[in-house]
Amino acid sequence: MLENNFSDDCMNKTLFIELAEKTGQKQKAKNLAYAVLVEEKRVSEVAAEYQISRQSVEHAVNRIVRQERMVNEIPDEWVKLSVFLPTGLAKAVLWIQEQEKHKAGVIVRTKLNRPSLTVEQIELLADLMTK
């Protein structure tokens, strides 16, 4: 079994500190991630040093890596929303998000099928987008 050493995710100290502050992780988790991402230690080495599981180290590292991806992928002028919508409308909004990410040059990992909408839903979306 191959161990993930996160070699592609190595980062400098300044970037790490900036990202780590946004994760809300406890200091021990930050230390684990720092050892792997900045000091370039192997996950198994850090796990042995702290006498914890490799999974715990990987979890701490992944929180930082996810934060970095989130920061890099979302344009500054975008707003995060959390809303409840009917399924069809929600699919339409997600599809629009994918299209806008593509226009902004953001890497889109998934490809959503164009949603099938009712005339009322299309009119509602058009109305919302013009406000």
N, C-alpha and C. Protein backbone atom coordinates (compact mmCIF):
# COMPACT_ATOMS: atom_id res chain seq x y z
N MET A 1 0.84 -1.19 0.00
CA MET A 1 0.00 0.00 0.00
C MET A 1 0.88 1.25 0.00
N LEU A 2 0.62 2.16 -0.90
CA LEU A 2 1.41 3.38 -0.99
C LEU A 2 0.95 4.41 0.02
N GLU A 3 1.89 5.10 0.57
CA GLU A 3 1.55 6.15 1.53
C GLU A 3 1.48 7.49 0.81
N ASN A 4 0.47 8.26 1.12
CA ASN A 4 0.35 9.59 0.54
C ASN A 4 1.26 10.53 1.33
N ASN A 5 2.29 11.05 0.69
CA ASN A 5 3.18 11.97 1.40
C ASN A 5 2.89 13.42 1.06
N PHE A 6 1.82 13.68 0.28
CA PHE A 6 1.38 15.02 -0.04
C PHE A 6 2.47 15.87 -0.67
N SER A 7 3.40 15.22 -1.39
CA SER A 7 4.53 15.97 -1.95
C SER A 7 4.07 17.06 -2.92
N ASP A 8 2.95 16.85 -3.61
CA ASP A 8 2.46 17.88 -4.53
C ASP A 8 1.85 19.06 -3.80
N ASP A 9 1.58 18.91 -2.50
CA ASP A 9 0.88 19.93 -1.75
C ASP A 9 1.80 20.71 -0.81
N CYS A 10 3.14 20.61 -1.00
CA CYS A 10 4.06 21.33 -0.13
C CYS A 10 3.85 22.83 -0.32
N MET A 11 3.93 23.54 0.79
CA MET A 11 3.67 24.98 0.72
C MET A 11 4.62 25.72 1.63
N ASN A 12 4.68 27.03 1.47
CA ASN A 12 5.55 27.82 2.32
C ASN A 12 4.86 28.12 3.66
N LYS A 13 5.67 28.55 4.60
CA LYS A 13 5.19 28.79 5.96
C LYS A 13 4.11 29.87 6.01
N THR A 14 4.29 30.95 5.28
CA THR A 14 3.33 32.06 5.30
C THR A 14 1.96 31.62 4.81
N LEU A 15 1.93 30.92 3.69
CA LEU A 15 0.67 30.42 3.17
C LEU A 15 0.02 29.45 4.13
N PHE A 16 0.83 28.56 4.71
CA PHE A 16 0.29 27.59 5.66
C PHE A 16 -0.40 28.30 6.83
N ILE A 17 0.26 29.27 7.41
CA ILE A 17 -0.30 29.98 8.57
C ILE A 17 -1.62 30.65 8.20
N GLU A 18 -1.65 31.29 7.03
CA GLU A 18 -2.87 31.95 6.57
C GLU A 18 -4.03 30.96 6.43
N LEU A 19 -3.74 29.81 5.83
CA LEU A 19 -4.78 28.80 5.63
C LEU A 19 -5.19 28.14 6.95
N ALA A 20 -4.22 27.83 7.78
CA ALA A 20 -4.49 27.13 9.03
C ALA A 20 -5.40 27.95 9.95
N GLU A 21 -5.25 29.27 9.93
CA GLU A 21 -6.09 30.12 10.78
C GLU A 21 -7.56 30.04 10.36
N LYS A 22 -7.80 29.78 9.09
CA LYS A 22 -9.18 29.73 8.60
C LYS A 22 -9.86 28.40 8.85
N THR A 23 -9.10 27.37 9.22
CA THR A 23 -9.69 26.04 9.39
C THR A 23 -10.34 25.83 10.75
N GLY A 24 -9.90 26.58 11.75
CA GLY A 24 -10.44 26.38 13.09
C GLY A 24 -9.87 25.15 13.78
N GLN A 25 -8.81 24.59 13.23
CA GLN A 25 -8.20 23.41 13.84
C GLN A 25 -7.48 23.77 15.13
N LYS A 26 -7.39 22.79 16.01
CA LYS A 26 -6.61 22.97 17.24
C LYS A 26 -5.13 22.98 16.88
N GLN A 27 -4.32 23.50 17.79
CA GLN A 27 -2.90 23.68 17.51
C GLN A 27 -2.21 22.36 17.19
N LYS A 28 -2.58 21.28 17.86
CA LYS A 28 -1.93 19.99 17.59
C LYS A 28 -2.17 19.57 16.14
N ALA A 29 -3.39 19.74 15.65
CA ALA A 29 -3.71 19.38 14.27
C ALA A 29 -2.91 20.26 13.30
N LYS A 30 -2.78 21.54 13.63
CA LYS A 30 -1.98 22.44 12.80
C LYS A 30 -0.53 21.99 12.76
N ASN A 31 -0.02 21.56 13.91
CA ASN A 31 1.37 21.09 13.97
C ASN A 31 1.58 19.85 13.10
N LEU A 32 0.60 18.94 13.12
CA LEU A 32 0.68 17.74 12.30
C LEU A 32 0.74 18.11 10.82
N ALA A 33 -0.19 18.97 10.42
CA ALA A 33 -0.25 19.38 9.01
C ALA A 33 1.00 20.15 8.61
N TYR A 34 1.49 21.00 9.49
CA TYR A 34 2.70 21.78 9.21
C TYR A 34 3.88 20.86 8.93
N ALA A 35 4.02 19.83 9.74
CA ALA A 35 5.14 18.90 9.58
C ALA A 35 5.11 18.23 8.20
N VAL A 36 3.92 17.91 7.74
CA VAL A 36 3.79 17.24 6.44
C VAL A 36 3.88 18.24 5.29
N LEU A 37 3.14 19.33 5.37
CA LEU A 37 3.03 20.25 4.24
C LEU A 37 4.19 21.23 4.09
N VAL A 38 4.77 21.67 5.18
CA VAL A 38 5.85 22.66 5.11
C VAL A 38 7.21 22.00 5.29
N GLU A 39 7.32 21.14 6.30
CA GLU A 39 8.59 20.49 6.56
C GLU A 39 8.82 19.27 5.67
N GLU A 40 7.78 18.88 4.93
CA GLU A 40 7.82 17.78 3.97
C GLU A 40 8.16 16.43 4.61
N LYS A 41 7.71 16.22 5.83
CA LYS A 41 7.88 14.92 6.47
C LYS A 41 6.82 13.97 5.96
N ARG A 42 7.09 12.69 6.03
CA ARG A 42 6.12 11.68 5.61
C ARG A 42 5.03 11.55 6.68
N VAL A 43 3.84 11.20 6.23
CA VAL A 43 2.70 11.04 7.14
C VAL A 43 3.03 10.01 8.22
N SER A 44 3.62 8.89 7.83
CA SER A 44 3.95 7.83 8.80
C SER A 44 4.98 8.31 9.82
N GLU A 45 5.91 9.15 9.40
CA GLU A 45 6.92 9.71 10.30
C GLU A 45 6.27 10.61 11.35
N VAL A 46 5.37 11.46 10.91
CA VAL A 46 4.68 12.38 11.82
C VAL A 46 3.78 11.59 12.77
N ALA A 47 3.09 10.59 12.25
CA ALA A 47 2.22 9.76 13.09
C ALA A 47 3.03 9.07 14.19
N ALA A 48 4.19 8.55 13.83
CA ALA A 48 5.04 7.89 14.82
C ALA A 48 5.57 8.88 15.85
N GLU A 49 5.96 10.06 15.38
CA GLU A 49 6.49 11.09 16.27
C GLU A 49 5.46 11.52 17.32
N TYR A 50 4.20 11.65 16.91
CA TYR A 50 3.14 12.09 17.81
C TYR A 50 2.38 10.92 18.44
N GLN A 51 2.74 9.71 18.05
CA GLN A 51 2.11 8.48 18.55
C GLN A 51 0.59 8.49 18.31
N ILE A 52 0.24 8.78 17.07
CA ILE A 52 -1.17 8.77 16.66
C ILE A 52 -1.27 8.03 15.33
N SER A 53 -2.48 7.82 14.86
CA SER A 53 -2.67 7.09 13.61
C SER A 53 -2.32 7.96 12.39
N ARG A 54 -1.96 7.28 11.31
CA ARG A 54 -1.71 7.99 10.05
C ARG A 54 -2.97 8.71 9.58
N GLN A 55 -4.12 8.09 9.82
CA GLN A 55 -5.38 8.70 9.42
C GLN A 55 -5.59 10.05 10.10
N SER A 56 -5.20 10.15 11.37
CA SER A 56 -5.34 11.42 12.08
C SER A 56 -4.46 12.50 11.45
N VAL A 57 -3.27 12.12 11.07
CA VAL A 57 -2.36 13.06 10.42
C VAL A 57 -2.94 13.46 9.06
N GLU A 58 -3.40 12.48 8.30
CA GLU A 58 -3.96 12.76 6.98
C GLU A 58 -5.19 13.68 7.09
N HIS A 59 -5.99 13.47 8.11
CA HIS A 59 -7.17 14.32 8.31
C HIS A 59 -6.75 15.78 8.54
N ALA A 60 -5.75 15.98 9.38
CA ALA A 60 -5.27 17.34 9.66
C ALA A 60 -4.71 17.98 8.39
N VAL A 61 -3.98 17.23 7.61
CA VAL A 61 -3.40 17.73 6.36
C VAL A 61 -4.50 18.06 5.37
N ASN A 62 -5.47 17.17 5.26
CA ASN A 62 -6.55 17.37 4.29
C ASN A 62 -7.37 18.61 4.59
N ARG A 63 -7.53 18.96 5.85
CA ARG A 63 -8.27 20.19 6.19
C ARG A 63 -7.58 21.42 5.61
N ILE A 64 -6.26 21.44 5.71
CA ILE A 64 -5.49 22.57 5.17
C ILE A 64 -5.55 22.57 3.65
N VAL A 65 -5.38 21.41 3.04
CA VAL A 65 -5.40 21.29 1.58
C VAL A 65 -6.76 21.70 1.03
N ARG A 66 -7.84 21.27 1.68
CA ARG A 66 -9.18 21.67 1.24
C ARG A 66 -9.36 23.18 1.36
N GLN A 67 -8.84 23.76 2.43
CA GLN A 67 -8.95 25.21 2.61
C GLN A 67 -8.22 25.94 1.48
N GLU A 68 -7.05 25.44 1.11
CA GLU A 68 -6.29 26.06 0.03
C GLU A 68 -7.07 25.97 -1.28
N ARG A 69 -7.65 24.83 -1.55
CA ARG A 69 -8.42 24.67 -2.78
C ARG A 69 -9.62 25.59 -2.79
N MET A 70 -10.27 25.71 -1.65
CA MET A 70 -11.44 26.57 -1.56
C MET A 70 -11.06 28.03 -1.82
N VAL A 71 -9.97 28.47 -1.23
CA VAL A 71 -9.52 29.85 -1.41
C VAL A 71 -9.16 30.11 -2.87
N ASN A 72 -8.52 29.14 -3.51
CA ASN A 72 -8.07 29.32 -4.89
C ASN A 72 -9.18 29.20 -5.92
N GLU A 73 -10.28 28.56 -5.57
CA GLU A 73 -11.29 28.27 -6.56
C GLU A 73 -12.47 29.25 -6.57
N ILE A 74 -12.64 30.04 -5.58
CA ILE A 74 -13.81 30.89 -5.50
C ILE A 74 -13.42 32.34 -5.77
N PRO A 75 -13.95 32.92 -6.84
CA PRO A 75 -13.65 34.34 -7.12
C PRO A 75 -14.10 35.23 -5.94
N ASP A 76 -13.36 36.29 -5.68
CA ASP A 76 -13.61 37.16 -4.54
C ASP A 76 -15.01 37.78 -4.53
N GLU A 77 -15.55 38.09 -5.71
CA GLU A 77 -16.84 38.77 -5.75
C GLU A 77 -18.02 37.82 -5.58
N TRP A 78 -17.78 36.53 -5.44
CA TRP A 78 -18.86 35.56 -5.27
C TRP A 78 -19.33 35.55 -3.82
N VAL A 79 -20.57 35.16 -3.62
CA VAL A 79 -21.18 35.11 -2.29
C VAL A 79 -21.61 33.67 -2.02
N LYS A 80 -21.32 33.19 -0.82
CA LYS A 80 -21.74 31.84 -0.44
C LYS A 80 -23.19 31.89 0.03
N LEU A 81 -24.01 30.98 -0.49
CA LEU A 81 -25.42 30.91 -0.11
C LEU A 81 -25.74 29.53 0.44
N SER A 82 -26.66 29.49 1.34
CA SER A 82 -27.19 28.23 1.83
C SER A 82 -28.70 28.38 1.84
N VAL A 83 -29.34 27.70 0.89
CA VAL A 83 -30.78 27.85 0.73
C VAL A 83 -31.43 26.49 0.46
N PHE A 84 -32.73 26.43 0.70
CA PHE A 84 -33.51 25.25 0.37
C PHE A 84 -34.32 25.57 -0.89
N LEU A 85 -34.21 24.70 -1.90
CA LEU A 85 -34.90 24.88 -3.16
C LEU A 85 -35.50 23.55 -3.62
N PRO A 86 -36.51 23.62 -4.45
CA PRO A 86 -36.99 22.38 -5.07
C PRO A 86 -35.84 21.76 -5.87
N THR A 87 -35.83 20.45 -5.99
CA THR A 87 -34.73 19.73 -6.62
C THR A 87 -34.37 20.27 -8.00
N GLY A 88 -35.37 20.46 -8.84
CA GLY A 88 -35.10 20.94 -10.19
C GLY A 88 -34.44 22.30 -10.21
N LEU A 89 -34.90 23.19 -9.35
CA LEU A 89 -34.33 24.53 -9.27
C LEU A 89 -32.92 24.49 -8.70
N ALA A 90 -32.72 23.63 -7.71
CA ALA A 90 -31.38 23.49 -7.11
C ALA A 90 -30.38 23.00 -8.17
N LYS A 91 -30.81 22.04 -8.99
CA LYS A 91 -29.93 21.54 -10.06
C LYS A 91 -29.61 22.66 -11.04
N ALA A 92 -30.60 23.50 -11.31
CA ALA A 92 -30.37 24.61 -12.22
C ALA A 92 -29.36 25.60 -11.65
N VAL A 93 -29.47 25.89 -10.38
CA VAL A 93 -28.54 26.82 -9.74
C VAL A 93 -27.12 26.23 -9.74
N LEU A 94 -27.00 24.93 -9.45
CA LEU A 94 -25.68 24.29 -9.49
C LEU A 94 -25.10 24.29 -10.90
N TRP A 95 -25.95 24.11 -11.89
CA TRP A 95 -25.50 24.14 -13.27
C TRP A 95 -24.99 25.53 -13.62
N ILE A 96 -25.73 26.56 -13.20
CA ILE A 96 -25.30 27.94 -13.44
C ILE A 96 -23.95 28.20 -12.76
N GLN A 97 -23.80 27.69 -11.55
CA GLN A 97 -22.53 27.86 -10.83
C GLN A 97 -21.38 27.24 -11.63
N GLU A 98 -21.59 26.05 -12.16
CA GLU A 98 -20.55 25.39 -12.96
C GLU A 98 -20.20 26.24 -14.19
N GLN A 99 -21.21 26.78 -14.84
CA GLN A 99 -20.98 27.61 -16.03
C GLN A 99 -20.19 28.87 -15.66
N GLU A 100 -20.53 29.49 -14.55
CA GLU A 100 -19.84 30.71 -14.11
C GLU A 100 -18.41 30.41 -13.68
N LYS A 101 -18.19 29.26 -13.05
CA LYS A 101 -16.83 28.87 -12.69
C LYS A 101 -15.99 28.72 -13.96
N HIS A 102 -16.59 28.08 -14.95
CA HIS A 102 -15.89 27.89 -16.22
C HIS A 102 -15.51 29.24 -16.83
N LYS A 103 -16.44 30.18 -16.83
CA LYS A 103 -16.18 31.53 -17.37
C LYS A 103 -15.07 32.23 -16.60
N ALA A 104 -15.02 31.97 -15.27
CA ALA A 104 -14.03 32.62 -14.41
C ALA A 104 -12.67 31.93 -14.48
N GLY A 105 -12.59 30.83 -15.23
CA GLY A 105 -11.32 30.12 -15.36
C GLY A 105 -11.02 29.19 -14.21
N VAL A 106 -12.05 28.85 -13.43
CA VAL A 106 -11.88 27.95 -12.30
C VAL A 106 -11.98 26.52 -12.82
N ILE A 107 -11.13 25.65 -12.32
CA ILE A 107 -11.18 24.25 -12.72
C ILE A 107 -12.45 23.62 -12.18
N VAL A 108 -13.23 23.04 -13.05
CA VAL A 108 -14.47 22.38 -12.65
C VAL A 108 -14.21 20.88 -12.67
N ARG A 109 -14.34 20.25 -11.51
CA ARG A 109 -14.03 18.82 -11.39
C ARG A 109 -15.18 17.93 -11.86
N THR A 110 -16.40 18.42 -11.76
CA THR A 110 -17.54 17.60 -12.15
C THR A 110 -18.26 18.28 -13.31
N LYS A 111 -18.93 17.49 -14.07
CA LYS A 111 -19.69 18.02 -15.19
C LYS A 111 -21.15 17.70 -14.93
N LEU A 112 -21.96 18.72 -14.74
CA LEU A 112 -23.38 18.53 -14.50
C LEU A 112 -24.13 18.56 -15.82
N ASN A 113 -25.13 17.70 -15.94
CA ASN A 113 -25.99 17.74 -17.12
C ASN A 113 -26.87 18.97 -17.03
N ARG A 114 -27.14 19.54 -18.18
CA ARG A 114 -28.02 20.70 -18.23
C ARG A 114 -29.37 20.29 -17.62
N PRO A 115 -29.86 21.04 -16.66
CA PRO A 115 -31.11 20.66 -16.01
C PRO A 115 -32.31 20.88 -16.92
N SER A 116 -33.32 20.06 -16.72
CA SER A 116 -34.56 20.29 -17.45
C SER A 116 -35.47 21.08 -16.54
N LEU A 117 -35.87 22.25 -16.99
CA LEU A 117 -36.65 23.16 -16.16
C LEU A 117 -38.01 23.42 -16.78
N THR A 118 -38.93 23.75 -15.92
CA THR A 118 -40.23 24.18 -16.40
C THR A 118 -40.11 25.64 -16.85
N VAL A 119 -41.08 26.11 -17.59
CA VAL A 119 -41.09 27.50 -18.04
C VAL A 119 -41.09 28.43 -16.84
N GLU A 120 -41.85 28.08 -15.80
CA GLU A 120 -41.92 28.91 -14.60
C GLU A 120 -40.56 29.02 -13.92
N GLN A 121 -39.83 27.91 -13.87
CA GLN A 121 -38.52 27.93 -13.23
C GLN A 121 -37.53 28.77 -14.03
N ILE A 122 -37.59 28.66 -15.35
CA ILE A 122 -36.71 29.47 -16.19
C ILE A 122 -37.02 30.96 -16.01
N GLU A 123 -38.29 31.30 -15.97
CA GLU A 123 -38.68 32.70 -15.76
C GLU A 123 -38.22 33.19 -14.40
N LEU A 124 -38.35 32.35 -13.37
CA LEU A 124 -37.91 32.73 -12.03
C LEU A 124 -36.40 32.96 -12.01
N LEU A 125 -35.64 32.05 -12.61
CA LEU A 125 -34.18 32.23 -12.66
C LEU A 125 -33.81 33.49 -13.42
N ALA A 126 -34.45 33.72 -14.56
CA ALA A 126 -34.16 34.92 -15.35
C ALA A 126 -34.46 36.17 -14.54
N ASP A 127 -35.57 36.15 -13.82
CA ASP A 127 -35.94 37.29 -12.98
C ASP A 127 -34.92 37.51 -11.88
N LEU A 128 -34.48 36.43 -11.24
CA LEU A 128 -33.50 36.54 -10.16
C LEU A 128 -32.15 37.05 -10.66
N MET A 129 -31.77 36.63 -11.83
CA MET A 129 -30.47 37.01 -12.37
C MET A 129 -30.42 38.46 -12.82
N THR A 130 -31.55 39.06 -13.08
CA THR A 130 -31.57 40.46 -13.52
C THR A 130 -31.68 41.43 -12.35
N LYS A 131 -31.90 40.96 -11.16
CA LYS A 131 -32.02 41.84 -10.00
C LYS A 131 -30.68 42.21 -9.44
